[in-house]
N, C-alpha and C. Protein backbone atom coordinates (compact mmCIF):
# COMPACT_ATOMS: atom_id res chain seq x y z
N MET A 1 -7.19 33.79 6.44
CA MET A 1 -7.51 32.50 7.06
C MET A 1 -7.20 32.47 8.55
N GLY A 2 -6.52 33.47 9.05
CA GLY A 2 -6.20 33.50 10.47
C GLY A 2 -5.06 34.44 10.72
N THR A 3 -4.58 34.45 11.93
CA THR A 3 -3.49 35.34 12.31
C THR A 3 -2.15 34.71 11.99
N GLY A 4 -1.10 35.52 12.14
CA GLY A 4 0.24 35.01 11.93
C GLY A 4 0.60 33.90 12.89
N LEU A 5 0.07 33.99 14.12
CA LEU A 5 0.31 32.93 15.10
C LEU A 5 -0.34 31.63 14.64
N ASP A 6 -1.55 31.75 14.06
CA ASP A 6 -2.22 30.56 13.52
C ASP A 6 -1.39 29.94 12.41
N ALA A 7 -0.85 30.79 11.55
CA ALA A 7 -0.03 30.30 10.44
C ALA A 7 1.24 29.62 10.97
N ASP A 8 1.85 30.22 11.98
CA ASP A 8 3.06 29.61 12.56
C ASP A 8 2.74 28.26 13.18
N ALA A 9 1.64 28.18 13.93
CA ALA A 9 1.25 26.91 14.56
C ALA A 9 0.92 25.87 13.49
N CYS A 10 0.25 26.30 12.44
CA CYS A 10 -0.09 25.39 11.34
C CYS A 10 1.18 24.86 10.68
N ARG A 11 2.13 25.76 10.38
CA ARG A 11 3.40 25.37 9.74
C ARG A 11 4.15 24.38 10.63
N ASP A 12 4.18 24.65 11.95
CA ASP A 12 4.86 23.74 12.87
C ASP A 12 4.19 22.36 12.87
N HIS A 13 2.86 22.36 12.92
CA HIS A 13 2.12 21.09 12.93
C HIS A 13 2.34 20.34 11.62
N LEU A 14 2.24 21.03 10.50
CA LEU A 14 2.47 20.40 9.20
C LEU A 14 3.89 19.87 9.10
N GLY A 15 4.84 20.62 9.64
CA GLY A 15 6.23 20.15 9.63
C GLY A 15 6.40 18.85 10.40
N ILE A 16 5.73 18.75 11.54
CA ILE A 16 5.78 17.52 12.34
C ILE A 16 5.16 16.36 11.55
N LEU A 17 4.02 16.61 10.91
CA LEU A 17 3.36 15.56 10.14
C LEU A 17 4.24 15.10 8.98
N LEU A 18 4.87 16.04 8.29
CA LEU A 18 5.74 15.68 7.17
C LEU A 18 6.95 14.88 7.64
N THR A 19 7.51 15.26 8.78
CA THR A 19 8.65 14.52 9.34
C THR A 19 8.22 13.09 9.70
N GLU A 20 7.04 12.95 10.31
CA GLU A 20 6.53 11.62 10.64
C GLU A 20 6.30 10.80 9.37
N GLU A 21 5.78 11.44 8.33
CA GLU A 21 5.53 10.73 7.08
C GLU A 21 6.84 10.29 6.42
N ILE A 22 7.84 11.16 6.44
CA ILE A 22 9.15 10.79 5.88
C ILE A 22 9.70 9.58 6.61
N GLU A 23 9.62 9.59 7.94
CA GLU A 23 10.14 8.46 8.72
C GLU A 23 9.36 7.18 8.42
N ALA A 24 8.04 7.27 8.34
CA ALA A 24 7.22 6.09 8.03
C ALA A 24 7.54 5.57 6.62
N LEU A 25 7.72 6.46 5.67
CA LEU A 25 8.06 6.04 4.31
C LEU A 25 9.46 5.43 4.26
N ARG A 26 10.39 5.96 5.04
CA ARG A 26 11.74 5.39 5.11
C ARG A 26 11.67 3.96 5.66
N GLU A 27 10.89 3.79 6.72
CA GLU A 27 10.74 2.45 7.30
C GLU A 27 10.04 1.51 6.33
N LEU A 28 9.04 2.00 5.63
CA LEU A 28 8.34 1.16 4.65
C LEU A 28 9.27 0.78 3.51
N GLU A 29 10.08 1.71 3.06
CA GLU A 29 11.04 1.42 1.99
C GLU A 29 12.00 0.31 2.42
N ASP A 30 12.54 0.42 3.64
CA ASP A 30 13.43 -0.62 4.17
C ASP A 30 12.71 -1.96 4.24
N LEU A 31 11.47 -1.92 4.71
CA LEU A 31 10.69 -3.14 4.84
C LEU A 31 10.44 -3.78 3.47
N LEU A 32 10.10 -2.97 2.48
CA LEU A 32 9.84 -3.51 1.14
C LEU A 32 11.10 -4.12 0.53
N ASN A 33 12.25 -3.55 0.82
CA ASN A 33 13.51 -4.16 0.37
C ASN A 33 13.72 -5.51 1.05
N ARG A 34 13.47 -5.58 2.34
CA ARG A 34 13.60 -6.85 3.07
C ARG A 34 12.56 -7.86 2.57
N GLU A 35 11.36 -7.36 2.30
CA GLU A 35 10.28 -8.23 1.85
C GLU A 35 10.66 -8.94 0.55
N TYR A 36 11.33 -8.25 -0.35
CA TYR A 36 11.74 -8.86 -1.61
C TYR A 36 12.66 -10.05 -1.33
N ASP A 37 13.61 -9.86 -0.41
CA ASP A 37 14.52 -10.95 -0.05
C ASP A 37 13.76 -12.11 0.58
N VAL A 38 12.80 -11.79 1.45
CA VAL A 38 12.01 -12.82 2.12
C VAL A 38 11.16 -13.59 1.11
N LEU A 39 10.58 -12.88 0.17
CA LEU A 39 9.77 -13.54 -0.86
C LEU A 39 10.64 -14.48 -1.69
N GLY A 40 11.85 -14.05 -1.98
CA GLY A 40 12.77 -14.89 -2.75
C GLY A 40 13.19 -16.14 -1.99
N ALA A 41 13.27 -16.03 -0.66
CA ALA A 41 13.68 -17.16 0.17
C ALA A 41 12.55 -18.15 0.42
N LYS A 42 11.31 -17.75 0.11
CA LYS A 42 10.13 -18.60 0.28
C LYS A 42 9.90 -19.03 1.73
N ASN A 43 10.25 -18.19 2.69
CA ASN A 43 10.08 -18.47 4.10
C ASN A 43 8.69 -17.97 4.50
N VAL A 44 7.74 -18.88 4.63
CA VAL A 44 6.35 -18.52 4.86
C VAL A 44 6.17 -17.72 6.15
N ALA A 45 6.81 -18.14 7.22
CA ALA A 45 6.66 -17.42 8.50
C ALA A 45 7.20 -15.99 8.37
N ALA A 46 8.34 -15.84 7.72
CA ALA A 46 8.92 -14.50 7.54
C ALA A 46 8.04 -13.65 6.62
N ILE A 47 7.45 -14.26 5.62
CA ILE A 47 6.54 -13.54 4.72
C ILE A 47 5.34 -13.02 5.50
N GLU A 48 4.79 -13.85 6.36
CA GLU A 48 3.64 -13.44 7.17
C GLU A 48 4.01 -12.31 8.13
N ARG A 49 5.18 -12.40 8.76
CA ARG A 49 5.64 -11.33 9.66
C ARG A 49 5.81 -10.02 8.89
N THR A 50 6.43 -10.10 7.73
CA THR A 50 6.65 -8.91 6.91
C THR A 50 5.32 -8.30 6.49
N ALA A 51 4.36 -9.14 6.14
CA ALA A 51 3.05 -8.63 5.73
C ALA A 51 2.36 -7.90 6.88
N LEU A 52 2.48 -8.41 8.09
CA LEU A 52 1.88 -7.75 9.25
C LEU A 52 2.54 -6.39 9.52
N ILE A 53 3.85 -6.36 9.43
CA ILE A 53 4.55 -5.09 9.66
C ILE A 53 4.19 -4.10 8.56
N ARG A 54 4.08 -4.58 7.33
CA ARG A 54 3.71 -3.69 6.22
C ARG A 54 2.33 -3.10 6.46
N GLN A 55 1.40 -3.92 6.94
CA GLN A 55 0.06 -3.42 7.26
C GLN A 55 0.13 -2.32 8.32
N GLN A 56 0.95 -2.52 9.33
CA GLN A 56 1.10 -1.50 10.38
C GLN A 56 1.65 -0.20 9.80
N LYS A 57 2.66 -0.31 8.94
CA LYS A 57 3.26 0.87 8.33
C LYS A 57 2.25 1.60 7.45
N MET A 58 1.46 0.86 6.71
CA MET A 58 0.44 1.48 5.85
C MET A 58 -0.61 2.17 6.72
N GLY A 59 -0.94 1.58 7.86
CA GLY A 59 -1.87 2.20 8.79
C GLY A 59 -1.30 3.50 9.36
N ASP A 60 0.00 3.48 9.70
CA ASP A 60 0.66 4.70 10.18
C ASP A 60 0.60 5.81 9.13
N LEU A 61 0.88 5.45 7.89
CA LEU A 61 0.84 6.44 6.81
C LEU A 61 -0.57 6.97 6.58
N ALA A 62 -1.56 6.09 6.68
CA ALA A 62 -2.95 6.52 6.49
C ALA A 62 -3.36 7.49 7.60
N ARG A 63 -2.93 7.23 8.83
CA ARG A 63 -3.26 8.12 9.94
C ARG A 63 -2.60 9.49 9.76
N THR A 64 -1.36 9.49 9.31
CA THR A 64 -0.66 10.76 9.08
C THR A 64 -1.34 11.53 7.96
N GLU A 65 -1.72 10.84 6.91
CA GLU A 65 -2.42 11.51 5.81
C GLU A 65 -3.75 12.08 6.28
N GLU A 66 -4.46 11.33 7.11
CA GLU A 66 -5.73 11.82 7.63
C GLU A 66 -5.53 13.06 8.49
N GLN A 67 -4.47 13.09 9.29
CA GLN A 67 -4.18 14.28 10.09
C GLN A 67 -3.87 15.48 9.21
N ARG A 68 -3.15 15.23 8.12
CA ARG A 68 -2.83 16.31 7.18
C ARG A 68 -4.11 16.84 6.52
N ARG A 69 -5.00 15.92 6.15
CA ARG A 69 -6.29 16.34 5.57
C ARG A 69 -7.11 17.15 6.57
N GLN A 70 -7.12 16.72 7.82
CA GLN A 70 -7.85 17.45 8.87
C GLN A 70 -7.26 18.84 9.09
N LEU A 71 -5.94 18.95 9.00
CA LEU A 71 -5.29 20.24 9.15
C LEU A 71 -5.74 21.18 8.02
N CYS A 72 -5.81 20.66 6.81
CA CYS A 72 -6.30 21.47 5.68
C CYS A 72 -7.73 21.92 5.94
N THR A 73 -8.59 21.00 6.31
CA THR A 73 -10.00 21.31 6.56
C THR A 73 -10.16 22.31 7.70
N LEU A 74 -9.40 22.13 8.76
CA LEU A 74 -9.45 23.02 9.92
C LEU A 74 -9.19 24.48 9.52
N HIS A 75 -8.33 24.65 8.55
CA HIS A 75 -7.96 26.01 8.14
C HIS A 75 -8.71 26.46 6.89
N GLY A 76 -9.75 25.70 6.50
CA GLY A 76 -10.62 26.14 5.41
C GLY A 76 -10.19 25.73 4.01
N TYR A 77 -9.31 24.75 3.90
CA TYR A 77 -8.85 24.29 2.59
C TYR A 77 -9.38 22.89 2.31
N THR A 78 -9.42 22.54 1.05
CA THR A 78 -9.90 21.20 0.68
C THR A 78 -8.87 20.16 1.13
N PRO A 79 -9.34 18.98 1.53
CA PRO A 79 -8.43 17.95 2.05
C PRO A 79 -7.78 17.13 0.94
N ASP A 80 -7.17 17.80 -0.02
CA ASP A 80 -6.49 17.14 -1.13
C ASP A 80 -5.18 17.88 -1.41
N TRP A 81 -4.50 17.50 -2.50
CA TRP A 81 -3.21 18.12 -2.80
C TRP A 81 -3.35 19.61 -3.12
N ILE A 82 -4.44 19.97 -3.77
CA ILE A 82 -4.67 21.39 -4.07
C ILE A 82 -4.84 22.17 -2.77
N GLY A 83 -5.60 21.62 -1.85
CA GLY A 83 -5.78 22.25 -0.54
C GLY A 83 -4.47 22.34 0.22
N LEU A 84 -3.64 21.29 0.14
CA LEU A 84 -2.35 21.30 0.83
C LEU A 84 -1.45 22.39 0.26
N GLU A 85 -1.45 22.52 -1.07
CA GLU A 85 -0.65 23.59 -1.69
C GLU A 85 -1.12 24.96 -1.21
N SER A 86 -2.43 25.15 -1.16
CA SER A 86 -2.99 26.43 -0.69
C SER A 86 -2.65 26.67 0.77
N LEU A 87 -2.77 25.63 1.58
CA LEU A 87 -2.42 25.73 3.00
C LEU A 87 -0.96 26.13 3.16
N MET A 88 -0.10 25.51 2.38
CA MET A 88 1.33 25.82 2.48
C MET A 88 1.63 27.24 2.01
N GLN A 89 0.91 27.71 1.00
CA GLN A 89 1.12 29.10 0.57
C GLN A 89 0.75 30.06 1.68
N TRP A 90 -0.26 29.69 2.47
CA TRP A 90 -0.70 30.56 3.57
C TRP A 90 0.25 30.46 4.77
N CYS A 91 0.52 29.22 5.22
CA CYS A 91 1.26 29.07 6.48
C CYS A 91 2.77 29.01 6.30
N ASP A 92 3.22 28.77 5.07
CA ASP A 92 4.65 28.64 4.82
C ASP A 92 5.04 29.35 3.52
N PRO A 93 4.78 30.66 3.44
CA PRO A 93 5.04 31.37 2.19
C PRO A 93 6.53 31.36 1.78
N GLU A 94 7.44 31.15 2.72
CA GLU A 94 8.87 31.08 2.38
C GLU A 94 9.27 29.72 1.84
N GLY A 95 8.38 28.74 1.95
CA GLY A 95 8.65 27.40 1.41
C GLY A 95 9.61 26.58 2.24
N THR A 96 9.62 26.79 3.54
CA THR A 96 10.55 26.05 4.41
C THR A 96 10.21 24.56 4.48
N LEU A 97 8.96 24.21 4.17
CA LEU A 97 8.54 22.79 4.23
C LEU A 97 8.61 22.09 2.88
N LEU A 98 8.90 22.84 1.84
CA LEU A 98 8.87 22.29 0.48
C LEU A 98 9.81 21.10 0.31
N SER A 99 10.99 21.16 0.91
CA SER A 99 11.94 20.04 0.77
C SER A 99 11.37 18.78 1.40
N ARG A 100 10.63 18.91 2.49
CA ARG A 100 10.02 17.74 3.14
C ARG A 100 8.90 17.16 2.29
N VAL A 101 8.11 18.04 1.68
CA VAL A 101 7.04 17.56 0.79
C VAL A 101 7.65 16.80 -0.39
N ARG A 102 8.72 17.35 -0.95
CA ARG A 102 9.39 16.68 -2.08
C ARG A 102 9.98 15.34 -1.65
N GLU A 103 10.55 15.29 -0.45
CA GLU A 103 11.11 14.02 0.03
C GLU A 103 9.99 12.99 0.23
N CYS A 104 8.86 13.43 0.75
CA CYS A 104 7.71 12.51 0.90
C CYS A 104 7.31 11.95 -0.46
N ALA A 105 7.21 12.82 -1.45
CA ALA A 105 6.81 12.38 -2.79
C ALA A 105 7.84 11.41 -3.37
N ARG A 106 9.12 11.72 -3.21
CA ARG A 106 10.18 10.85 -3.73
C ARG A 106 10.14 9.48 -3.05
N ARG A 107 10.00 9.49 -1.74
CA ARG A 107 9.97 8.22 -1.01
C ARG A 107 8.71 7.42 -1.32
N ALA A 108 7.58 8.09 -1.46
CA ALA A 108 6.33 7.40 -1.80
C ALA A 108 6.46 6.74 -3.17
N THR A 109 7.09 7.44 -4.12
CA THR A 109 7.30 6.86 -5.46
C THR A 109 8.22 5.65 -5.36
N ARG A 110 9.26 5.76 -4.57
CA ARG A 110 10.19 4.63 -4.39
C ARG A 110 9.47 3.44 -3.76
N CYS A 111 8.63 3.69 -2.76
CA CYS A 111 7.87 2.61 -2.13
C CYS A 111 6.92 1.95 -3.13
N ARG A 112 6.27 2.77 -3.95
CA ARG A 112 5.37 2.22 -4.97
C ARG A 112 6.15 1.31 -5.93
N ASP A 113 7.33 1.77 -6.36
CA ASP A 113 8.14 0.97 -7.28
C ASP A 113 8.60 -0.34 -6.64
N LEU A 114 9.03 -0.27 -5.39
CA LEU A 114 9.43 -1.49 -4.68
C LEU A 114 8.26 -2.44 -4.50
N ASN A 115 7.09 -1.90 -4.18
CA ASN A 115 5.90 -2.73 -4.01
C ASN A 115 5.55 -3.42 -5.34
N ASN A 116 5.66 -2.68 -6.44
CA ASN A 116 5.40 -3.27 -7.76
C ASN A 116 6.40 -4.38 -8.07
N LYS A 117 7.66 -4.16 -7.72
CA LYS A 117 8.71 -5.18 -7.91
C LYS A 117 8.37 -6.44 -7.12
N ASN A 118 7.95 -6.25 -5.86
CA ASN A 118 7.57 -7.39 -5.03
C ASN A 118 6.34 -8.09 -5.60
N GLY A 119 5.39 -7.30 -6.09
CA GLY A 119 4.19 -7.88 -6.70
C GLY A 119 4.52 -8.72 -7.93
N THR A 120 5.49 -8.27 -8.71
CA THR A 120 5.92 -9.03 -9.88
C THR A 120 6.51 -10.37 -9.46
N LEU A 121 7.30 -10.35 -8.38
CA LEU A 121 7.87 -11.60 -7.87
C LEU A 121 6.77 -12.53 -7.38
N VAL A 122 5.78 -12.01 -6.67
CA VAL A 122 4.67 -12.83 -6.19
C VAL A 122 3.90 -13.42 -7.37
N ALA A 123 3.65 -12.62 -8.40
CA ALA A 123 2.92 -13.11 -9.58
C ALA A 123 3.70 -14.22 -10.26
N ALA A 124 5.03 -14.08 -10.33
CA ALA A 124 5.86 -15.13 -10.93
C ALA A 124 5.78 -16.42 -10.11
N ARG A 125 5.79 -16.28 -8.78
CA ARG A 125 5.67 -17.47 -7.91
C ARG A 125 4.32 -18.16 -8.11
N LEU A 126 3.27 -17.35 -8.22
CA LEU A 126 1.94 -17.93 -8.45
C LEU A 126 1.89 -18.69 -9.77
N LYS A 127 2.52 -18.15 -10.79
CA LYS A 127 2.57 -18.84 -12.09
C LYS A 127 3.29 -20.18 -11.95
N GLN A 128 4.37 -20.18 -11.16
CA GLN A 128 5.09 -21.43 -10.93
C GLN A 128 4.19 -22.45 -10.25
N VAL A 129 3.45 -22.01 -9.24
CA VAL A 129 2.54 -22.91 -8.53
C VAL A 129 1.46 -23.43 -9.47
N GLU A 130 0.91 -22.54 -10.30
CA GLU A 130 -0.10 -22.97 -11.28
C GLU A 130 0.49 -24.02 -12.22
N GLY A 131 1.74 -23.81 -12.63
CA GLY A 131 2.39 -24.78 -13.50
C GLY A 131 2.56 -26.12 -12.82
N LEU A 132 2.94 -26.09 -11.55
CA LEU A 132 3.09 -27.34 -10.80
C LEU A 132 1.75 -28.04 -10.62
N LEU A 133 0.70 -27.28 -10.34
CA LEU A 133 -0.63 -27.87 -10.22
C LEU A 133 -1.10 -28.46 -11.54
N ALA A 134 -0.81 -27.78 -12.62
CA ALA A 134 -1.19 -28.30 -13.94
C ALA A 134 -0.46 -29.60 -14.24
N ALA A 135 0.79 -29.69 -13.79
CA ALA A 135 1.54 -30.92 -14.00
C ALA A 135 0.96 -32.07 -13.18
N LEU A 136 0.40 -31.76 -12.02
CA LEU A 136 -0.20 -32.79 -11.18
C LEU A 136 -1.56 -33.24 -11.68
N THR A 137 -2.23 -32.40 -12.45
CA THR A 137 -3.56 -32.72 -12.98
C THR A 137 -3.51 -32.61 -14.51
N PRO A 138 -2.82 -33.57 -15.18
CA PRO A 138 -2.66 -33.50 -16.63
C PRO A 138 -3.99 -33.64 -17.36
N GLY A 139 -4.05 -33.02 -18.53
CA GLY A 139 -5.23 -33.16 -19.37
C GLY A 139 -6.33 -32.18 -19.04
N ARG A 140 -6.16 -31.34 -18.06
CA ARG A 140 -7.19 -30.38 -17.68
C ARG A 140 -6.82 -29.02 -18.25
N ALA A 141 -7.60 -28.58 -19.21
CA ALA A 141 -7.34 -27.27 -19.81
C ALA A 141 -8.13 -26.18 -19.08
N GLU A 142 -9.30 -26.55 -18.52
CA GLU A 142 -10.12 -25.55 -17.83
C GLU A 142 -9.64 -25.39 -16.39
N PRO A 143 -9.97 -24.28 -15.78
CA PRO A 143 -9.57 -24.06 -14.39
C PRO A 143 -10.18 -25.11 -13.47
N VAL A 144 -9.44 -25.47 -12.45
CA VAL A 144 -9.91 -26.45 -11.49
C VAL A 144 -10.75 -25.74 -10.44
N THR A 145 -12.01 -26.16 -10.33
CA THR A 145 -12.87 -25.65 -9.27
C THR A 145 -13.50 -26.85 -8.60
N TYR A 146 -14.13 -26.61 -7.48
CA TYR A 146 -14.72 -27.70 -6.72
C TYR A 146 -16.22 -27.60 -6.73
N GLY A 147 -16.87 -28.76 -6.77
CA GLY A 147 -18.32 -28.82 -6.78
C GLY A 147 -18.89 -28.85 -5.38
N PRO A 148 -20.21 -28.97 -5.27
CA PRO A 148 -20.86 -28.94 -3.97
C PRO A 148 -20.47 -30.09 -3.05
N LYS A 149 -19.98 -31.20 -3.60
CA LYS A 149 -19.58 -32.35 -2.78
C LYS A 149 -18.10 -32.34 -2.46
N GLY A 150 -17.41 -31.24 -2.87
CA GLY A 150 -15.99 -31.13 -2.56
C GLY A 150 -15.09 -31.73 -3.61
N SER A 151 -15.62 -32.38 -4.62
CA SER A 151 -14.79 -32.96 -5.67
C SER A 151 -14.80 -32.05 -6.89
N THR A 152 -13.86 -32.31 -7.76
CA THR A 152 -13.85 -31.53 -8.99
C THR A 152 -14.99 -32.02 -9.87
N PRO A 153 -15.74 -31.10 -10.45
CA PRO A 153 -16.89 -31.50 -11.25
C PRO A 153 -16.47 -32.17 -12.55
N ASN A 154 -17.23 -33.16 -12.95
CA ASN A 154 -17.04 -33.82 -14.24
C ASN A 154 -17.78 -33.00 -15.28
N VAL A 155 -17.16 -32.77 -16.41
CA VAL A 155 -17.74 -31.92 -17.44
C VAL A 155 -19.09 -32.46 -17.91
N ASN A 156 -19.25 -33.78 -17.99
CA ASN A 156 -20.47 -34.37 -18.52
C ASN A 156 -21.34 -34.90 -17.38
N ARG A 157 -21.87 -34.02 -16.58
CA ARG A 157 -22.75 -34.42 -15.47
C ARG A 157 -24.09 -33.73 -15.60
N SER A 158 -24.63 -33.67 -16.77
CA SER A 158 -25.87 -32.95 -17.01
C SER A 158 -27.04 -33.55 -16.23
N HIS A 159 -26.96 -34.83 -15.86
CA HIS A 159 -28.02 -35.46 -15.11
C HIS A 159 -28.10 -34.94 -13.68
N GLU A 160 -27.06 -34.23 -13.18
CA GLU A 160 -27.06 -33.72 -11.82
C GLU A 160 -27.58 -32.30 -11.70
N TRP A 161 -27.94 -31.67 -12.79
CA TRP A 161 -28.38 -30.28 -12.74
C TRP A 161 -29.63 -30.10 -11.86
N GLY A 162 -30.47 -31.10 -11.80
CA GLY A 162 -31.69 -30.99 -11.01
C GLY A 162 -31.47 -31.15 -9.53
N ARG A 163 -30.35 -31.69 -9.11
CA ARG A 163 -30.08 -31.87 -7.69
C ARG A 163 -29.41 -30.64 -7.09
N ALA A 164 -29.81 -30.33 -5.86
CA ALA A 164 -29.16 -29.20 -5.19
C ALA A 164 -29.04 -29.49 -3.72
């Protein structure tokens, strides 16, 4: 796939990308922990700020992943995990980067778990809101939607079907 110098340059570049990814995942993990506390406090402004920062972190991770995919493609490997493994066998046969790859995987799993935990909290809050709305509109078993005039439709309005 290239000379030893190419392999060394590739290993160095991949090492930098993995270090950047570890740092981004560490920051995302910290943010997701803070986000859980913010969601529990019901502070809308803080929730919005956290969501914006999370978007930025996800963008950083996506850019790093894209650079890693491009590195694989540049050296003739597929831009997926199989290609990354092959690339690493070529440019890092001693496995000096393996600990960083494992740390990325561990942190990504932790971020996924924290995100799921936060999602569960959000779903519980939505259920609470639905319950409060149901209490405000007693006797309604069907979902509340709005009609063309902005009001909730009456179930027995068959005479209005012809109007649009």
